[in-house]
Amino acid sequence: MVLGGLITSTLLDQIVTPALFWKFGKPLGDKAIAEREAHQRAAAAGVLPPDPDAHLFDNDLLVGVVKDTPSNFASPPPMPSKAKTFF
């Protein structure tokens, strides 16, 4: 029983999984590779920054923001009592 499971697991891992990727995942993989290569060409031409996520960590956007304090948002108003008593 254990030996059959090992053989089945090995066949799935070595044959079925790559075949399914080739059939269904290859177009997405090719698209991701093409996008990465296009970004590298644009970065080499100076059109885009070398790091595609550089704008997310631009410290110039954080000028005047104090990072070590709680947020500057006002606290929410107090919740009203749920039940009123008539005694």
C-alpha atoms as a PDB file:
ATOM      1  CA  MET A   1       0.000   0.000   0.000  1.00  0.00           C
ATOM      2  CA  VAL A   2       2.735   2.429   0.943  1.00  0.00           C
ATOM      3  CA  LEU A   3       4.775   1.500  -2.118  1.00  0.00           C
ATOM      4  CA  GLY A   4       1.781   2.168  -4.394  1.00  0.00           C
ATOM      5  CA  GLY A   5       1.345   5.589  -2.809  1.00  0.00           C
ATOM      6  CA  LEU A   6       4.995   6.443  -3.346  1.00  0.00           C
ATOM      7  CA  ILE A   7       4.832   5.379  -6.997  1.00  0.00           C
ATOM      8  CA  THR A   8       1.603   7.320  -7.600  1.00  0.00           C
ATOM      9  CA  SER A   9       2.988  10.403  -5.870  1.00  0.00           C
ATOM     10  CA  THR A  10       6.181  10.253  -7.913  1.00  0.00           C
ATOM     11  CA  LEU A  11       4.293   9.881 -11.195  1.00  0.00           C
ATOM     12  CA  LEU A  12       2.011  12.799 -10.360  1.00  0.00           C
ATOM     13  CA  ASP A  13       4.941  14.973  -9.369  1.00  0.00           C
ATOM     14  CA  GLN A  14       7.148  14.092 -12.343  1.00  0.00           C
ATOM     15  CA  ILE A  15       4.670  13.646 -15.205  1.00  0.00           C
ATOM     16  CA  VAL A  16       1.141  14.891 -14.543  1.00  0.00           C
ATOM     17  CA  THR A  17       1.968  18.217 -12.867  1.00  0.00           C
ATOM     18  CA  PRO A  18       4.363  19.415 -15.614  1.00  0.00           C
ATOM     19  CA  ALA A  19       1.907  18.273 -18.294  1.00  0.00           C
ATOM     20  CA  LEU A  20      -0.918  20.259 -16.687  1.00  0.00           C
ATOM     21  CA  PHE A  21       1.313  23.302 -16.386  1.00  0.00           C
ATOM     22  CA  TRP A  22       2.356  22.995 -20.018  1.00  0.00           C
ATOM     23  CA  LYS A  23      -1.281  22.773 -21.075  1.00  0.00           C
ATOM     24  CA  PHE A  24      -2.852  25.448 -18.850  1.00  0.00           C
ATOM     25  CA  GLY A  25      -0.090  27.528 -17.241  1.00  0.00           C
ATOM     26  CA  LYS A  26       2.347  28.075 -20.089  1.00  0.00           C
ATOM     27  CA  PRO A  27       0.472  31.045 -21.630  1.00  0.00           C
ATOM     28  CA  LEU A  28       0.466  32.840 -18.264  1.00  0.00           C
ATOM     29  CA  GLY A  29       4.127  32.026 -17.707  1.00  0.00           C
ATOM     30  CA  ASP A  30       5.026  33.310 -21.165  1.00  0.00           C
ATOM     31  CA  LYS A  31       3.092  36.515 -20.485  1.00  0.00           C
ATOM     32  CA  ALA A  32       4.891  37.076 -17.160  1.00  0.00           C
ATOM     33  CA  ILE A  33       8.276  36.538 -18.807  1.00  0.00           C
ATOM     34  CA  ALA A  34       7.401  38.922 -21.658  1.00  0.00           C
ATOM     35  CA  GLU A  35       6.286  41.616 -19.175  1.00  0.00           C
ATOM     36  CA  ARG A  36       9.492  41.240 -17.166  1.00  0.00           C
ATOM     37  CA  GLU A  37      11.638  41.479 -20.318  1.00  0.00           C
ATOM     38  CA  ALA A  38       9.681  44.540 -21.528  1.00  0.00           C
ATOM     39  CA  HIS A  39      10.223  46.221 -18.155  1.00  0.00           C
ATOM     40  CA  GLN A  40      13.940  45.441 -18.290  1.00  0.00           C
ATOM     41  CA  ARG A  41      14.180  46.983 -21.774  1.00  0.00           C
ATOM     42  CA  ALA A  42      12.271  50.094 -20.611  1.00  0.00           C
ATOM     43  CA  ALA A  43      14.511  50.396 -17.538  1.00  0.00           C
ATOM     44  CA  ALA A  44      17.615  50.117 -19.728  1.00  0.00           C
ATOM     45  CA  ALA A  45      16.225  52.902 -21.949  1.00  0.00           C
ATOM     46  CA  GLY A  46      15.607  55.079 -18.871  1.00  0.00           C
ATOM     47  CA  VAL A  47      11.840  55.189 -19.290  1.00  0.00           C
ATOM     48  CA  LEU A  48      11.027  53.305 -16.067  1.00  0.00           C
ATOM     49  CA  PRO A  49      12.857  52.916 -12.755  1.00  0.00           C
ATOM     50  CA  PRO A  50      14.827  49.656 -12.440  1.00  0.00           C
ATOM     51  CA  ASP A  51      12.607  48.507  -9.584  1.00  0.00           C
ATOM     52  CA  PRO A  52       8.938  48.289 -10.633  1.00  0.00           C
ATOM     53  CA  ASP A  53       7.844  48.800  -7.018  1.00  0.00           C
ATOM     54  CA  ALA A  54      10.153  51.746  -6.305  1.00  0.00           C
ATOM     55  CA  HIS A  55       7.252  54.220  -6.254  1.00  0.00           C
ATOM     56  CA  LEU A  56       5.666  52.280  -3.399  1.00  0.00           C
ATOM     57  CA  PHE A  57       8.627  53.024  -1.154  1.00  0.00           C
ATOM     58  CA  ASP A  58       9.391  56.596  -2.199  1.00  0.00           C
ATOM     59  CA  ASN A  59      10.464  58.333   1.006  1.00  0.00           C
ATOM     60  CA  ASP A  60       9.875  61.766  -0.544  1.00  0.00           C
ATOM     61  CA  LEU A  61       6.162  61.050  -0.291  1.00  0.00           C
ATOM     62  CA  LEU A  62       6.484  60.667   3.477  1.00  0.00           C
ATOM     63  CA  VAL A  63       7.910  64.134   4.182  1.00  0.00           C
ATOM     64  CA  GLY A  64       6.192  65.521   7.269  1.00  0.00           C
ATOM     65  CA  VAL A  65       4.726  62.194   8.340  1.00  0.00           C
ATOM     66  CA  VAL A  66       5.796  61.100  11.806  1.00  0.00           C
ATOM     67  CA  LYS A  67       6.050  57.329  11.683  1.00  0.00           C
ATOM     68  CA  ASP A  68       6.537  56.670  15.399  1.00  0.00           C
ATOM     69  CA  THR A  69       3.221  58.099  16.572  1.00  0.00           C
ATOM     70  CA  PRO A  70      -0.310  56.740  16.376  1.00  0.00           C
ATOM     71  CA  SER A  71      -2.359  57.779  13.395  1.00  0.00           C
ATOM     72  CA  ASN A  72      -3.673  61.314  13.194  1.00  0.00           C
ATOM     73  CA  PHE A  73      -7.241  60.171  12.615  1.00  0.00           C
ATOM     74  CA  ALA A  74      -9.846  61.211  15.143  1.00  0.00           C
ATOM     75  CA  SER A  75     -11.121  58.501  17.420  1.00  0.00           C
ATOM     76  CA  PRO A  76     -14.603  57.229  16.606  1.00  0.00           C
ATOM     77  CA  PRO A  77     -17.533  58.658  18.540  1.00  0.00           C
ATOM     78  CA  PRO A  78     -18.684  56.713  21.582  1.00  0.00           C
ATOM     79  CA  MET A  79     -21.270  54.035  20.976  1.00  0.00           C
ATOM     80  CA  PRO A  80     -24.782  54.795  22.233  1.00  0.00           C
ATOM     81  CA  SER A  81     -26.166  52.565  24.922  1.00  0.00           C
ATOM     82  CA  LYS A  82     -27.971  49.578  23.503  1.00  0.00           C
ATOM     83  CA  ALA A  83     -31.011  49.576  25.737  1.00  0.00           C
ATOM     84  CA  LYS A  84     -32.920  52.295  27.509  1.00  0.00           C
ATOM     85  CA  THR A  85     -34.400  51.582  30.860  1.00  0.00           C
ATOM     86  CA  PHE A  86     -37.825  52.868  31.800  1.00  0.00           C
ATOM     87  CA  PHE A  87     -37.652  52.398  35.562  1.00  0.00           C
END
